[in-house]
Amino acid sequence: MTDPFKTHTTGLQSPVRHAVAVTPDDAADLAVPCRALNVAQSGFVRVTTLGGDTVVLFVNAGGLLPVRVARVWATDTTATGIVALH
């Protein structure tokens, strides 16, 4: 498939190019910080942002959480089917 936008710069406002399943982990950051999260089942997600803040946020199923995330914690995370969007 030809990508007509291949030569365009990818920015934070651009559509995502990669989606990676996330296993929450209290001891490890994501391999690559993401720019948003999506969840399959509503619940709370404890994250550490790229800026270093650790917070617990509620996410509705199918909704996007537009936050730059470095870590998704297992502790306090109840949402399932978490996907990091890059």
N, C-alpha and C. Protein backbone atom coordinates (compact mmCIF):
# COMPACT_ATOMS: atom_id res chain seq x y z
N MET A 1 0.84 -1.17 0.00
CA MET A 1 0.00 0.00 0.00
C MET A 1 0.90 1.24 0.00
N THR A 2 0.56 2.18 -0.82
CA THR A 2 1.30 3.43 -0.89
C THR A 2 0.77 4.41 0.15
N ASP A 3 1.67 5.02 0.91
CA ASP A 3 1.29 6.00 1.91
C ASP A 3 1.54 7.39 1.35
N PRO A 4 0.49 8.12 0.97
CA PRO A 4 0.68 9.44 0.38
C PRO A 4 1.22 10.47 1.38
N PHE A 5 1.22 10.13 2.67
CA PHE A 5 1.69 11.06 3.70
C PHE A 5 3.06 10.68 4.24
N LYS A 6 3.73 9.75 3.61
CA LYS A 6 5.01 9.24 4.07
C LYS A 6 6.05 10.33 4.28
N THR A 7 6.03 11.36 3.49
CA THR A 7 7.03 12.42 3.59
C THR A 7 6.64 13.53 4.56
N HIS A 8 5.45 13.43 5.15
CA HIS A 8 4.98 14.45 6.10
C HIS A 8 5.56 14.18 7.48
N THR A 9 5.83 15.24 8.20
CA THR A 9 6.31 15.12 9.58
C THR A 9 5.16 14.67 10.48
N THR A 10 5.45 13.70 11.35
CA THR A 10 4.46 13.23 12.30
C THR A 10 4.52 14.09 13.55
N GLY A 11 3.38 14.64 13.95
CA GLY A 11 3.31 15.47 15.15
C GLY A 11 2.30 14.91 16.13
N LEU A 12 2.16 15.55 17.28
CA LEU A 12 1.22 15.09 18.29
C LEU A 12 -0.23 15.21 17.84
N GLN A 13 -0.51 16.05 16.86
CA GLN A 13 -1.87 16.20 16.34
C GLN A 13 -2.17 15.20 15.22
N SER A 14 -1.16 14.49 14.76
CA SER A 14 -1.31 13.53 13.66
C SER A 14 -2.00 12.26 14.13
N PRO A 15 -2.62 11.54 13.20
CA PRO A 15 -3.18 10.23 13.57
C PRO A 15 -2.06 9.31 14.07
N VAL A 16 -2.42 8.38 14.93
CA VAL A 16 -1.41 7.47 15.46
C VAL A 16 -0.89 6.55 14.37
N ARG A 17 0.35 6.11 14.54
CA ARG A 17 0.98 5.20 13.57
C ARG A 17 1.14 3.81 14.16
N HIS A 18 1.19 3.72 15.50
CA HIS A 18 1.41 2.43 16.15
C HIS A 18 0.46 2.28 17.34
N ALA A 19 0.02 1.05 17.57
CA ALA A 19 -0.82 0.72 18.72
C ALA A 19 -0.24 -0.53 19.37
N VAL A 20 0.04 -0.45 20.67
CA VAL A 20 0.72 -1.54 21.38
C VAL A 20 -0.07 -1.89 22.64
N ALA A 21 -0.36 -3.18 22.81
CA ALA A 21 -1.03 -3.63 24.03
C ALA A 21 -0.13 -3.36 25.23
N VAL A 22 -0.75 -2.94 26.34
CA VAL A 22 -0.01 -2.59 27.55
C VAL A 22 -0.36 -3.56 28.68
N THR A 23 0.66 -4.09 29.32
CA THR A 23 0.49 -4.85 30.55
C THR A 23 0.95 -3.93 31.68
N PRO A 24 0.03 -3.49 32.53
CA PRO A 24 0.43 -2.60 33.63
C PRO A 24 1.54 -3.23 34.47
N ASP A 25 2.51 -2.39 34.87
CA ASP A 25 3.69 -2.89 35.60
C ASP A 25 4.17 -1.80 36.55
N ASP A 26 4.28 -2.14 37.82
CA ASP A 26 4.73 -1.17 38.82
C ASP A 26 6.23 -0.91 38.76
N ALA A 27 6.98 -1.73 38.05
CA ALA A 27 8.44 -1.62 38.07
C ALA A 27 9.06 -1.18 36.76
N ALA A 28 8.27 -1.07 35.69
CA ALA A 28 8.88 -0.77 34.39
C ALA A 28 8.07 0.26 33.61
N ASP A 29 8.81 1.15 32.96
CA ASP A 29 8.19 2.12 32.06
C ASP A 29 7.82 1.43 30.75
N LEU A 30 6.98 2.08 29.96
CA LEU A 30 6.69 1.60 28.61
C LEU A 30 7.97 1.63 27.79
N ALA A 31 8.08 0.76 26.82
CA ALA A 31 9.27 0.74 25.96
C ALA A 31 9.42 2.08 25.23
N VAL A 32 8.29 2.65 24.84
CA VAL A 32 8.26 3.95 24.17
C VAL A 32 7.12 4.75 24.80
N PRO A 33 7.38 5.97 25.28
CA PRO A 33 6.28 6.78 25.83
C PRO A 33 5.19 6.97 24.77
N CYS A 34 3.95 6.91 25.19
CA CYS A 34 2.87 7.06 24.23
C CYS A 34 2.27 8.46 24.30
N ARG A 35 1.39 8.74 23.35
CA ARG A 35 0.73 10.05 23.36
C ARG A 35 -0.74 9.95 23.72
N ALA A 36 -1.24 8.72 23.87
CA ALA A 36 -2.62 8.51 24.31
C ALA A 36 -2.80 7.05 24.69
N LEU A 37 -3.82 6.81 25.52
CA LEU A 37 -4.20 5.44 25.88
C LEU A 37 -5.64 5.22 25.46
N ASN A 38 -5.97 3.97 25.15
CA ASN A 38 -7.32 3.54 24.87
C ASN A 38 -7.56 2.32 25.75
N VAL A 39 -8.78 2.14 26.25
CA VAL A 39 -9.10 0.97 27.06
C VAL A 39 -10.34 0.28 26.52
N ALA A 40 -10.38 -1.04 26.69
CA ALA A 40 -11.53 -1.82 26.24
C ALA A 40 -12.63 -1.84 27.29
N GLN A 41 -12.25 -1.85 28.58
CA GLN A 41 -13.22 -1.85 29.66
C GLN A 41 -12.96 -0.66 30.58
N SER A 42 -13.99 0.10 30.85
CA SER A 42 -13.88 1.29 31.70
C SER A 42 -13.23 0.98 33.03
N GLY A 43 -12.52 1.96 33.55
CA GLY A 43 -11.92 1.81 34.87
C GLY A 43 -10.88 2.87 35.11
N PHE A 44 -10.18 2.70 36.20
CA PHE A 44 -9.12 3.63 36.56
C PHE A 44 -7.79 3.16 35.99
N VAL A 45 -6.96 4.12 35.63
CA VAL A 45 -5.61 3.82 35.15
C VAL A 45 -4.65 4.72 35.92
N ARG A 46 -3.72 4.09 36.61
CA ARG A 46 -2.67 4.85 37.30
C ARG A 46 -1.50 4.98 36.34
N VAL A 47 -1.10 6.21 36.06
CA VAL A 47 -0.03 6.45 35.09
C VAL A 47 1.00 7.41 35.67
N THR A 48 2.19 7.32 35.13
CA THR A 48 3.18 8.37 35.33
C THR A 48 3.33 9.04 33.98
N THR A 49 3.10 10.36 33.97
CA THR A 49 3.18 11.11 32.72
C THR A 49 4.64 11.30 32.32
N LEU A 50 4.83 11.70 31.10
CA LEU A 50 6.16 11.99 30.60
C LEU A 50 6.80 13.12 31.39
N GLY A 51 5.98 13.98 31.99
CA GLY A 51 6.47 15.07 32.83
C GLY A 51 6.80 14.65 34.25
N GLY A 52 6.52 13.38 34.61
CA GLY A 52 6.89 12.87 35.92
C GLY A 52 5.79 12.85 36.97
N ASP A 53 4.57 13.23 36.61
CA ASP A 53 3.46 13.22 37.56
C ASP A 53 2.81 11.84 37.59
N THR A 54 2.52 11.34 38.77
CA THR A 54 1.81 10.06 38.90
C THR A 54 0.40 10.36 39.40
N VAL A 55 -0.59 9.93 38.61
CA VAL A 55 -1.99 10.20 38.90
C VAL A 55 -2.84 8.98 38.56
N VAL A 56 -4.04 8.94 39.15
CA VAL A 56 -5.03 7.91 38.82
C VAL A 56 -6.15 8.62 38.07
N LEU A 57 -6.44 8.15 36.86
CA LEU A 57 -7.45 8.77 36.00
C LEU A 57 -8.51 7.74 35.63
N PHE A 58 -9.74 8.20 35.42
CA PHE A 58 -10.80 7.31 34.97
C PHE A 58 -10.91 7.41 33.45
N VAL A 59 -11.05 6.24 32.81
CA VAL A 59 -11.19 6.19 31.36
C VAL A 59 -12.41 5.35 31.01
N ASN A 60 -13.26 5.88 30.14
CA ASN A 60 -14.42 5.13 29.65
C ASN A 60 -13.99 4.16 28.57
N ALA A 61 -14.66 3.03 28.48
CA ALA A 61 -14.37 2.05 27.45
C ALA A 61 -14.47 2.70 26.07
N GLY A 62 -13.47 2.45 25.25
CA GLY A 62 -13.45 3.00 23.90
C GLY A 62 -12.99 4.44 23.83
N GLY A 63 -12.83 5.07 24.97
CA GLY A 63 -12.41 6.46 24.99
C GLY A 63 -10.90 6.60 24.91
N LEU A 64 -10.47 7.76 24.49
CA LEU A 64 -9.05 8.06 24.45
C LEU A 64 -8.66 8.90 25.65
N LEU A 65 -7.53 8.58 26.22
CA LEU A 65 -6.96 9.37 27.30
C LEU A 65 -5.75 10.07 26.68
N PRO A 66 -5.90 11.33 26.26
CA PRO A 66 -4.84 12.02 25.53
C PRO A 66 -3.77 12.58 26.47
N VAL A 67 -2.93 11.70 26.97
CA VAL A 67 -1.87 12.11 27.89
C VAL A 67 -0.60 11.35 27.52
N ARG A 68 0.53 12.07 27.55
CA ARG A 68 1.82 11.43 27.27
C ARG A 68 2.20 10.59 28.48
N VAL A 69 2.29 9.29 28.30
CA VAL A 69 2.48 8.35 29.41
C VAL A 69 3.82 7.64 29.30
N ALA A 70 4.54 7.60 30.44
CA ALA A 70 5.80 6.85 30.52
C ALA A 70 5.58 5.49 31.16
N ARG A 71 4.64 5.40 32.15
CA ARG A 71 4.39 4.14 32.85
C ARG A 71 2.91 3.98 33.13
N VAL A 72 2.43 2.76 32.97
CA VAL A 72 1.09 2.37 33.40
C VAL A 72 1.28 1.39 34.55
N TRP A 73 0.82 1.80 35.73
CA TRP A 73 1.02 1.02 36.95
C TRP A 73 -0.03 -0.08 37.08
N ALA A 74 0.38 -1.22 37.66
CA ALA A 74 -0.57 -2.29 37.98
C ALA A 74 -1.40 -1.90 39.20
N THR A 75 -0.74 -1.31 40.20
CA THR A 75 -1.43 -0.87 41.41
C THR A 75 -2.42 0.25 41.05
N ASP A 76 -3.65 0.11 41.49
CA ASP A 76 -4.73 1.07 41.29
C ASP A 76 -5.32 1.06 39.88
N THR A 77 -4.80 0.25 38.96
CA THR A 77 -5.35 0.19 37.60
C THR A 77 -6.42 -0.89 37.55
N THR A 78 -7.65 -0.48 37.20
CA THR A 78 -8.76 -1.43 37.09
C THR A 78 -9.26 -1.57 35.65
N ALA A 79 -8.95 -0.62 34.80
CA ALA A 79 -9.34 -0.71 33.39
C ALA A 79 -8.57 -1.87 32.75
N THR A 80 -9.18 -2.49 31.75
CA THR A 80 -8.52 -3.59 31.06
C THR A 80 -8.52 -3.33 29.56
N GLY A 81 -7.72 -4.13 28.87
CA GLY A 81 -7.61 -3.95 27.42
C GLY A 81 -6.94 -2.64 27.07
N ILE A 82 -5.88 -2.30 27.79
CA ILE A 82 -5.21 -1.02 27.61
C ILE A 82 -4.28 -1.08 26.39
N VAL A 83 -4.38 -0.06 25.56
CA VAL A 83 -3.55 0.03 24.36
C VAL A 83 -2.88 1.40 24.35
N ALA A 84 -1.56 1.39 24.15
CA ALA A 84 -0.80 2.64 24.03
C ALA A 84 -0.77 3.03 22.55
N LEU A 85 -1.07 4.28 22.30
CA LEU A 85 -1.09 4.81 20.93
C LEU A 85 0.10 5.73 20.72
N HIS A 86 0.85 5.45 19.67
CA HIS A 86 2.06 6.21 19.36
C HIS A 86 1.90 6.95 18.05
